[in-house]
PDB file of all heavy atoms in Angstrom:
ATOM      1  N   GLU A   1     176.132  32.672  97.940  1.00  0.00           N
ATOM      2  CA  GLU A   1     175.305  32.786  99.127  1.00  0.00           C
ATOM      3  C   GLU A   1     173.884  32.786  98.782  1.00  0.00           C
ATOM      4  O   GLU A   1     173.059  32.205  99.561  1.00  0.00           O
ATOM      5  CB  GLU A   1     175.736  34.097  99.904  1.00  0.00           C
ATOM      6  CG  GLU A   1     174.907  34.279 101.204  1.00  0.00           C
ATOM      7  CD  GLU A   1     175.035  33.156 102.200  1.00  0.00           C
ATOM      8  OE1 GLU A   1     176.013  32.374 102.125  1.00  0.00           O
ATOM      9  OE2 GLU A   1     174.106  33.041 103.089  1.00  0.00           O
ATOM     10  N   THR A   2     173.489  33.365  97.692  1.00  0.00           N
ATOM     11  CA  THR A   2     172.043  33.300  97.227  1.00  0.00           C
ATOM     12  C   THR A   2     171.737  31.854  96.955  1.00  0.00           C
ATOM     13  O   THR A   2     170.598  31.314  97.314  1.00  0.00           O
ATOM     14  CB  THR A   2     171.885  34.133  95.924  1.00  0.00           C
ATOM     15  OG1 THR A   2     172.252  35.449  96.218  1.00  0.00           O
ATOM     16  CG2 THR A   2     170.426  34.141  95.551  1.00  0.00           C
ATOM     17  N   CYS A   3     172.601  31.137  96.297  1.00  0.00           N
ATOM     18  CA  CYS A   3     172.429  29.725  95.953  1.00  0.00           C
ATOM     19  C   CYS A   3     172.178  28.979  97.318  1.00  0.00           C
ATOM     20  O   CYS A   3     171.279  28.096  97.386  1.00  0.00           O
ATOM     21  CB  CYS A   3     173.634  29.201  95.249  1.00  0.00           C
ATOM     22  SG  CYS A   3     173.479  27.598  94.570  1.00  0.00           S
ATOM     23  N   ARG A   4     173.080  29.202  98.307  1.00  0.00           N
ATOM     24  CA  ARG A   4     172.928  28.481  99.595  1.00  0.00           C
ATOM     25  C   ARG A   4     171.633  28.819 100.271  1.00  0.00           C
ATOM     26  O   ARG A   4     170.947  27.893 100.804  1.00  0.00           O
ATOM     27  CB  ARG A   4     174.097  28.858 100.473  1.00  0.00           C
ATOM     28  CG  ARG A   4     174.217  27.975 101.684  1.00  0.00           C
ATOM     29  CD  ARG A   4     175.236  28.536 102.726  1.00  0.00           C
ATOM     30  NE  ARG A   4     174.688  29.614 103.426  1.00  0.00           N
ATOM     31  CZ  ARG A   4     174.023  29.547 104.539  1.00  0.00           C
ATOM     32  NH1 ARG A   4     173.721  28.343 105.072  1.00  0.00           N
ATOM     33  NH2 ARG A   4     173.567  30.594 105.218  1.00  0.00           N
ATOM     34  N   GLN A   5     171.190  30.083 100.253  1.00  0.00           N
ATOM     35  CA  GLN A   5     170.015  30.453 100.954  1.00  0.00           C
ATOM     36  C   GLN A   5     168.769  29.867 100.261  1.00  0.00           C
ATOM     37  O   GLN A   5     167.808  29.409 101.046  1.00  0.00           O
ATOM     38  CB  GLN A   5     169.827  31.990 100.980  1.00  0.00           C
ATOM     39  CG  GLN A   5     170.792  32.678 101.901  1.00  0.00           C
ATOM     40  CD  GLN A   5     170.523  32.454 103.314  1.00  0.00           C
ATOM     41  OE1 GLN A   5     169.375  31.998 103.716  1.00  0.00           O
ATOM     42  NE2 GLN A   5     171.464  32.800 104.230  1.00  0.00           N
ATOM     43  N   LEU A   6     168.812  29.756  98.961  1.00  0.00           N
ATOM     44  CA  LEU A   6     167.596  29.146  98.311  1.00  0.00           C
ATOM     45  C   LEU A   6     167.530  27.644  98.666  1.00  0.00           C
ATOM     46  O   LEU A   6     166.445  27.104  98.843  1.00  0.00           O
ATOM     47  CB  LEU A   6     167.761  29.329  96.777  1.00  0.00           C
ATOM     48  CG  LEU A   6     167.573  30.766  96.271  1.00  0.00           C
ATOM     49  CD1 LEU A   6     167.855  30.790  94.769  1.00  0.00           C
ATOM     50  CD2 LEU A   6     166.176  31.315  96.594  1.00  0.00           C
ATOM     51  N   ALA A   7     168.698  26.937  98.770  1.00  0.00           N
ATOM     52  CA  ALA A   7     168.689  25.536  99.107  1.00  0.00           C
ATOM     53  C   ALA A   7     168.263  25.378 100.634  1.00  0.00           C
ATOM     54  O   ALA A   7     167.447  24.520 100.911  1.00  0.00           O
ATOM     55  CB  ALA A   7     170.023  24.951  98.846  1.00  0.00           C
ATOM     56  N   VAL A   8     168.750  26.159 101.484  1.00  0.00           N
ATOM     57  CA  VAL A   8     168.491  26.078 102.854  1.00  0.00           C
ATOM     58  C   VAL A   8     167.022  26.346 103.161  1.00  0.00           C
ATOM     59  O   VAL A   8     166.420  25.745 104.080  1.00  0.00           O
ATOM     60  CB  VAL A   8     169.381  26.978 103.696  1.00  0.00           C
ATOM     61  CG1 VAL A   8     168.915  27.050 105.132  1.00  0.00           C
ATOM     62  CG2 VAL A   8     170.833  26.504 103.714  1.00  0.00           C
ATOM     63  N   ASN A   9     166.464  27.277 102.400  1.00  0.00           N
ATOM     64  CA  ASN A   9     164.986  27.562 102.542  1.00  0.00           C
ATOM     65  C   ASN A   9     164.030  26.765 101.714  1.00  0.00           C
ATOM     66  O   ASN A   9     162.858  27.093 101.669  1.00  0.00           O
ATOM     67  CB  ASN A   9     164.832  29.103 102.254  1.00  0.00           C
ATOM     68  CG  ASN A   9     165.359  29.969 103.355  1.00  0.00           C
ATOM     69  OD1 ASN A   9     164.665  30.186 104.393  1.00  0.00           O
ATOM     70  ND2 ASN A   9     166.568  30.524 103.228  1.00  0.00           N
ATOM     71  N   GLY A  10     164.575  25.694 101.152  1.00  0.00           N
ATOM     72  CA  GLY A  10     163.740  24.686 100.489  1.00  0.00           C
ATOM     73  C   GLY A  10     163.224  25.031  99.124  1.00  0.00           C
ATOM     74  O   GLY A  10     162.328  24.427  98.588  1.00  0.00           O
ATOM     75  N   ILE A  11     163.820  26.069  98.486  1.00  0.00           N
ATOM     76  CA  ILE A  11     163.385  26.471  97.127  1.00  0.00           C
ATOM     77  C   ILE A  11     163.824  25.378  96.101  1.00  0.00           C
ATOM     78  O   ILE A  11     163.105  25.135  95.124  1.00  0.00           O
ATOM     79  CB  ILE A  11     163.956  27.843  96.712  1.00  0.00           C
ATOM     80  CG1 ILE A  11     163.621  28.870  97.852  1.00  0.00           C
ATOM     81  CG2 ILE A  11     163.404  28.280  95.391  1.00  0.00           C
ATOM     82  CD1 ILE A  11     162.168  28.996  98.114  1.00  0.00           C
ATOM     83  N   GLY A  12     164.926  24.801  96.209  1.00  0.00           N
ATOM     84  CA  GLY A  12     165.373  23.759  95.335  1.00  0.00           C
ATOM     85  C   GLY A  12     166.694  23.113  95.890  1.00  0.00           C
ATOM     86  O   GLY A  12     167.089  23.414  97.038  1.00  0.00           O
ATOM     87  N   TYR A  13     167.342  22.285  95.094  1.00  0.00           N
ATOM     88  CA  TYR A  13     168.593  21.712  95.553  1.00  0.00           C
ATOM     89  C   TYR A  13     169.759  22.321  94.775  1.00  0.00           C
ATOM     90  O   TYR A  13     169.607  22.920  93.728  1.00  0.00           O
ATOM     91  CB  TYR A  13     168.534  20.196  95.194  1.00  0.00           C
ATOM     92  CG  TYR A  13     168.419  19.774  93.722  1.00  0.00           C
ATOM     93  CD1 TYR A  13     169.515  19.470  93.026  1.00  0.00           C
ATOM     94  CD2 TYR A  13     167.192  19.766  93.138  1.00  0.00           C
ATOM     95  CE1 TYR A  13     169.466  19.067  91.681  1.00  0.00           C
ATOM     96  CE2 TYR A  13     167.106  19.321  91.811  1.00  0.00           C
ATOM     97  CZ  TYR A  13     168.195  19.003  91.084  1.00  0.00           C
ATOM     98  OH  TYR A  13     168.100  18.600  89.796  1.00  0.00           O
ATOM     99  N   ALA A  14     170.945  22.212  95.436  1.00  0.00           N
ATOM    100  CA  ALA A  14     172.127  22.805  94.888  1.00  0.00           C
ATOM    101  C   ALA A  14     173.374  21.964  95.168  1.00  0.00           C
ATOM    102  O   ALA A  14     173.297  21.147  96.059  1.00  0.00           O
ATOM    103  CB  ALA A  14     172.314  24.195  95.478  1.00  0.00           C
ATOM    104  N   VAL A  15     174.444  22.203  94.461  1.00  0.00           N
ATOM    105  CA  VAL A  15     175.718  21.588  94.747  1.00  0.00           C
ATOM    106  C   VAL A  15     176.605  22.643  95.292  1.00  0.00           C
ATOM    107  O   VAL A  15     176.847  23.670  94.617  1.00  0.00           O
ATOM    108  CB  VAL A  15     176.405  20.954  93.487  1.00  0.00           C
ATOM    109  CG1 VAL A  15     177.788  20.502  93.765  1.00  0.00           C
ATOM    110  CG2 VAL A  15     175.548  19.817  92.908  1.00  0.00           C
ATOM    111  N   LEU A  16     177.039  22.510  96.563  1.00  0.00           N
ATOM    112  CA  LEU A  16     177.715  23.534  97.306  1.00  0.00           C
ATOM    113  C   LEU A  16     179.036  23.053  97.919  1.00  0.00           C
ATOM    114  O   LEU A  16     179.085  21.878  98.409  1.00  0.00           O
ATOM    115  CB  LEU A  16     176.896  24.157  98.335  1.00  0.00           C
ATOM    116  CG  LEU A  16     175.639  24.898  97.890  1.00  0.00           C
ATOM    117  CD1 LEU A  16     174.706  25.205  99.094  1.00  0.00           C
ATOM    118  CD2 LEU A  16     176.013  26.142  97.214  1.00  0.00           C
ATOM    119  N   PRO A  17     180.111  23.821  97.940  1.00  0.00           N
ATOM    120  CA  PRO A  17     181.363  23.401  98.589  1.00  0.00           C
ATOM    121  C   PRO A  17     181.160  23.448 100.180  1.00  0.00           C
ATOM    122  O   PRO A  17     180.398  24.258 100.739  1.00  0.00           O
ATOM    123  CB  PRO A  17     182.354  24.450  98.175  1.00  0.00           C
ATOM    124  CG  PRO A  17     181.539  25.646  97.769  1.00  0.00           C
ATOM    125  CD  PRO A  17     180.214  25.126  97.297  1.00  0.00           C
ATOM    126  N   SER A  18     181.874  22.600 100.844  1.00  0.00           N
ATOM    127  CA  SER A  18     181.730  22.455 102.271  1.00  0.00           C
ATOM    128  C   SER A  18     182.064  23.793 103.030  1.00  0.00           C
ATOM    129  O   SER A  18     181.548  23.951 104.082  1.00  0.00           O
ATOM    130  CB  SER A  18     182.634  21.393 102.837  1.00  0.00           C
ATOM    131  OG  SER A  18     183.969  21.525 102.314  1.00  0.00           O
ATOM    132  N   ILE A  19     182.897  24.633 102.413  1.00  0.00           N
ATOM    133  CA  ILE A  19     183.254  25.870 103.123  1.00  0.00           C
ATOM    134  C   ILE A  19     181.978  26.817 103.341  1.00  0.00           C
ATOM    135  O   ILE A  19     182.017  27.572 104.250  1.00  0.00           O
ATOM    136  CB  ILE A  19     184.368  26.652 102.292  1.00  0.00           C
ATOM    137  CG1 ILE A  19     184.906  27.764 103.107  1.00  0.00           C
ATOM    138  CG2 ILE A  19     183.736  27.194 101.001  1.00  0.00           C
ATOM    139  CD1 ILE A  19     186.109  28.437 102.418  1.00  0.00           C
ATOM    140  N   THR A  20     181.011  26.579 102.518  1.00  0.00           N
ATOM    141  CA  THR A  20     179.800  27.405 102.684  1.00  0.00           C
ATOM    142  C   THR A  20     178.744  26.802 103.571  1.00  0.00           C
ATOM    143  O   THR A  20     177.837  27.478 104.007  1.00  0.00           O
ATOM    144  CB  THR A  20     179.095  27.601 101.278  1.00  0.00           C
ATOM    145  OG1 THR A  20     178.531  26.336 100.862  1.00  0.00           O
ATOM    146  CG2 THR A  20     180.078  28.127 100.275  1.00  0.00           C
ATOM    147  N   LEU A  21     178.902  25.583 104.014  1.00  0.00           N
ATOM    148  CA  LEU A  21     177.898  24.936 104.754  1.00  0.00           C
ATOM    149  C   LEU A  21     178.087  25.031 106.288  1.00  0.00           C
ATOM    150  O   LEU A  21     179.315  24.972 106.689  1.00  0.00           O
ATOM    151  CB  LEU A  21     177.840  23.407 104.428  1.00  0.00           C
ATOM    152  CG  LEU A  21     177.603  23.146 102.933  1.00  0.00           C
ATOM    153  CD1 LEU A  21     177.640  21.617 102.582  1.00  0.00           C
ATOM    154  CD2 LEU A  21     176.231  23.715 102.463  1.00  0.00           C
ATOM    155  N   ARG A  22     177.032  25.074 107.028  1.00  0.00           N
ATOM    156  CA  ARG A  22     177.086  25.263 108.494  1.00  0.00           C
ATOM    157  C   ARG A  22     176.506  23.984 109.094  1.00  0.00           C
ATOM    158  O   ARG A  22     175.600  23.338 108.552  1.00  0.00           O
ATOM    159  CB  ARG A  22     176.347  26.502 108.893  1.00  0.00           C
ATOM    160  CG  ARG A  22     176.818  27.722 108.279  1.00  0.00           C
ATOM    161  CD  ARG A  22     175.903  28.922 108.521  1.00  0.00           C
ATOM    162  NE  ARG A  22     176.285  30.110 107.745  1.00  0.00           N
ATOM    163  CZ  ARG A  22     175.575  31.179 107.635  1.00  0.00           C
ATOM    164  NH1 ARG A  22     174.395  31.253 108.192  1.00  0.00           N
ATOM    165  NH2 ARG A  22     175.983  32.193 106.938  1.00  0.00           N
ATOM    166  N   GLU A  23     176.967  23.657 110.252  1.00  0.00           N
ATOM    167  CA  GLU A  23     176.542  22.406 110.934  1.00  0.00           C
ATOM    168  C   GLU A  23     174.993  22.480 111.181  1.00  0.00           C
ATOM    169  O   GLU A  23     174.422  21.445 111.234  1.00  0.00           O
ATOM    170  CB  GLU A  23     177.321  22.201 112.210  1.00  0.00           C
ATOM    171  CG  GLU A  23     178.779  21.818 112.021  1.00  0.00           C
ATOM    172  CD  GLU A  23     179.502  21.508 113.304  1.00  0.00           C
ATOM    173  OE1 GLU A  23     178.745  21.500 114.372  1.00  0.00           O
ATOM    174  OE2 GLU A  23     180.712  21.255 113.252  1.00  0.00           O
ATOM    175  N   ASP A  24     174.468  23.652 111.453  1.00  0.00           N
ATOM    176  CA  ASP A  24     173.120  23.742 111.841  1.00  0.00           C
ATOM    177  C   ASP A  24     172.187  24.004 110.705  1.00  0.00           C
ATOM    178  O   ASP A  24     170.949  24.269 110.866  1.00  0.00           O
ATOM    179  CB  ASP A  24     172.906  24.850 112.904  1.00  0.00           C
ATOM    180  CG  ASP A  24     173.355  26.209 112.418  1.00  0.00           C
ATOM    181  OD1 ASP A  24     174.009  26.334 111.332  1.00  0.00           O
ATOM    182  OD2 ASP A  24     173.116  27.157 113.154  1.00  0.00           O
ATOM    183  N   ASP A  25     172.716  23.984 109.398  1.00  0.00           N
ATOM    184  CA  ASP A  25     171.815  24.109 108.259  1.00  0.00           C
ATOM    185  C   ASP A  25     170.777  22.966 108.223  1.00  0.00           C
ATOM    186  O   ASP A  25     171.237  21.820 108.209  1.00  0.00           O
ATOM    187  CB  ASP A  25     172.669  24.153 106.948  1.00  0.00           C
ATOM    188  CG  ASP A  25     173.349  25.468 106.733  1.00  0.00           C
ATOM    189  OD1 ASP A  25     172.918  26.450 107.325  1.00  0.00           O
ATOM    190  OD2 ASP A  25     174.322  25.458 105.967  1.00  0.00           O
ATOM    191  N   PRO A  26     169.439  23.297 108.192  1.00  0.00           N
ATOM    192  CA  PRO A  26     168.466  22.239 108.219  1.00  0.00           C
ATOM    193  C   PRO A  26     168.239  21.597 106.828  1.00  0.00           C
ATOM    194  O   PRO A  26     167.133  21.628 106.289  1.00  0.00           O
ATOM    195  CB  PRO A  26     167.220  23.020 108.671  1.00  0.00           C
ATOM    196  CG  PRO A  26     167.390  24.374 108.103  1.00  0.00           C
ATOM    197  CD  PRO A  26     168.902  24.619 108.147  1.00  0.00           C
ATOM    198  N   VAL A  27     169.283  20.959 106.301  1.00  0.00           N
ATOM    199  CA  VAL A  27     169.234  20.344 104.990  1.00  0.00           C
ATOM    200  C   VAL A  27     169.979  19.037 105.047  1.00  0.00           C
ATOM    201  O   VAL A  27     170.806  18.769 105.881  1.00  0.00           O
ATOM    202  CB  VAL A  27     169.834  21.220 103.941  1.00  0.00           C
ATOM    203  CG1 VAL A  27     168.945  22.514 103.675  1.00  0.00           C
ATOM    204  CG2 VAL A  27     171.219  21.657 104.283  1.00  0.00           C
ATOM    205  N   ASN A  28     169.660  18.177 104.041  1.00  0.00           N
ATOM    206  CA  ASN A  28     170.414  16.993 103.752  1.00  0.00           C
ATOM    207  C   ASN A  28     171.742  17.370 102.984  1.00  0.00           C
ATOM    208  O   ASN A  28     171.621  18.109 101.998  1.00  0.00           O
ATOM    209  CB  ASN A  28     169.642  15.936 102.969  1.00  0.00           C
ATOM    210  CG  ASN A  28     168.327  15.591 103.667  1.00  0.00           C
ATOM    211  OD1 ASN A  28     168.377  15.327 104.871  1.00  0.00           O
ATOM    212  ND2 ASN A  28     167.210  15.626 102.946  1.00  0.00           N
ATOM    213  N   LYS A  29     172.846  16.889 103.453  1.00  0.00           N
ATOM    214  CA  LYS A  29     174.084  17.158 102.801  1.00  0.00           C
ATOM    215  C   LYS A  29     174.686  15.854 102.334  1.00  0.00           C
ATOM    216  O   LYS A  29     175.178  14.982 103.070  1.00  0.00           O
ATOM    217  CB  LYS A  29     175.081  17.790 103.744  1.00  0.00           C
ATOM    218  CG  LYS A  29     174.519  19.089 104.427  1.00  0.00           C
ATOM    219  CD  LYS A  29     175.310  19.570 105.582  1.00  0.00           C
ATOM    220  CE  LYS A  29     174.594  20.756 106.270  1.00  0.00           C
ATOM    221  NZ  LYS A  29     175.297  21.079 107.572  1.00  0.00           N
ATOM    222  N   ILE A  30     174.629  15.633 101.001  1.00  0.00           N
ATOM    223  CA  ILE A  30     174.911  14.336 100.375  1.00  0.00           C
ATOM    224  C   ILE A  30     176.235  14.490  99.705  1.00  0.00           C
ATOM    225  O   ILE A  30     176.441  15.228  98.767  1.00  0.00           O
ATOM    226  CB  ILE A  30     173.823  13.974  99.355  1.00  0.00           C
ATOM    227  CG1 ILE A  30     172.415  13.969 100.004  1.00  0.00           C
ATOM    228  CG2 ILE A  30     174.161  12.612  98.749  1.00  0.00           C
ATOM    229  CD1 ILE A  30     171.326  14.116  99.003  1.00  0.00           C
ATOM    230  N   PRO A  31     177.294  13.752 100.095  1.00  0.00           N
ATOM    231  CA  PRO A  31     178.638  13.828  99.532  1.00  0.00           C
ATOM    232  C   PRO A  31     178.548  13.302  98.083  1.00  0.00           C
ATOM    233  O   PRO A  31     177.964  12.228  97.797  1.00  0.00           O
ATOM    234  CB  PRO A  31     179.500  13.025 100.440  1.00  0.00           C
ATOM    235  CG  PRO A  31     178.551  12.057 101.142  1.00  0.00           C
ATOM    236  CD  PRO A  31     177.284  12.818 101.256  1.00  0.00           C
ATOM    237  N   LEU A  32     179.263  13.935  97.242  1.00  0.00           N
ATOM    238  CA  LEU A  32     179.258  13.543  95.803  1.00  0.00           C
ATOM    239  C   LEU A  32     180.562  12.655  95.606  1.00  0.00           C
ATOM    240  O   LEU A  32     181.654  13.155  95.263  1.00  0.00           O
ATOM    241  CB  LEU A  32     179.282  14.708  94.873  1.00  0.00           C
ATOM    242  CG  LEU A  32     178.072  15.650  94.975  1.00  0.00           C
ATOM    243  CD1 LEU A  32     178.173  16.802  94.047  1.00  0.00           C
ATOM    244  CD2 LEU A  32     176.780  14.862  94.759  1.00  0.00           C
ATOM    245  N   THR A  33     180.414  11.369  95.822  1.00  0.00           N
ATOM    246  CA  THR A  33     181.526  10.428  95.782  1.00  0.00           C
ATOM    247  C   THR A  33     181.355   9.454  94.655  1.00  0.00           C
ATOM    248  O   THR A  33     180.280   9.212  94.149  1.00  0.00           O
ATOM    249  CB  THR A  33     181.678   9.690  97.108  1.00  0.00           C
ATOM    250  OG1 THR A  33     180.479   9.015  97.430  1.00  0.00           O
ATOM    251  CG2 THR A  33     181.976  10.676  98.286  1.00  0.00           C
ATOM    252  N   ASP A  34     182.413   8.819  94.269  1.00  0.00           N
ATOM    253  CA  ASP A  34     182.418   7.759  93.255  1.00  0.00           C
ATOM    254  C   ASP A  34     182.295   6.389  93.967  1.00  0.00           C
ATOM    255  O   ASP A  34     181.983   6.261  95.171  1.00  0.00           O
ATOM    256  CB  ASP A  34     183.625   7.754  92.371  1.00  0.00           C
ATOM    257  CG  ASP A  34     184.948   7.574  93.156  1.00  0.00           C
ATOM    258  OD1 ASP A  34     184.887   7.089  94.334  1.00  0.00           O
ATOM    259  OD2 ASP A  34     186.019   7.946  92.635  1.00  0.00           O
ATOM    260  N   GLY A  35     182.494   5.331  93.222  1.00  0.00           N
ATOM    261  CA  GLY A  35     182.290   3.987  93.781  1.00  0.00           C
ATOM    262  C   GLY A  35     183.249   3.632  94.867  1.00  0.00           C
ATOM    263  O   GLY A  35     182.978   2.711  95.693  1.00  0.00           O
TER     264      GLY A  35
END
C-alpha cells in the first residue's frame, strides 16, 4: 500500500497488481504484455 500511495502521489513509478488499483486512481496504468 505504501508502494501504491507513492506511485499515485507522483513520487515515482511502480509495478502493481490489478487487485490494488482503483478506477479513480489518477495515474497511467500500463499493462505489462508481450508481443
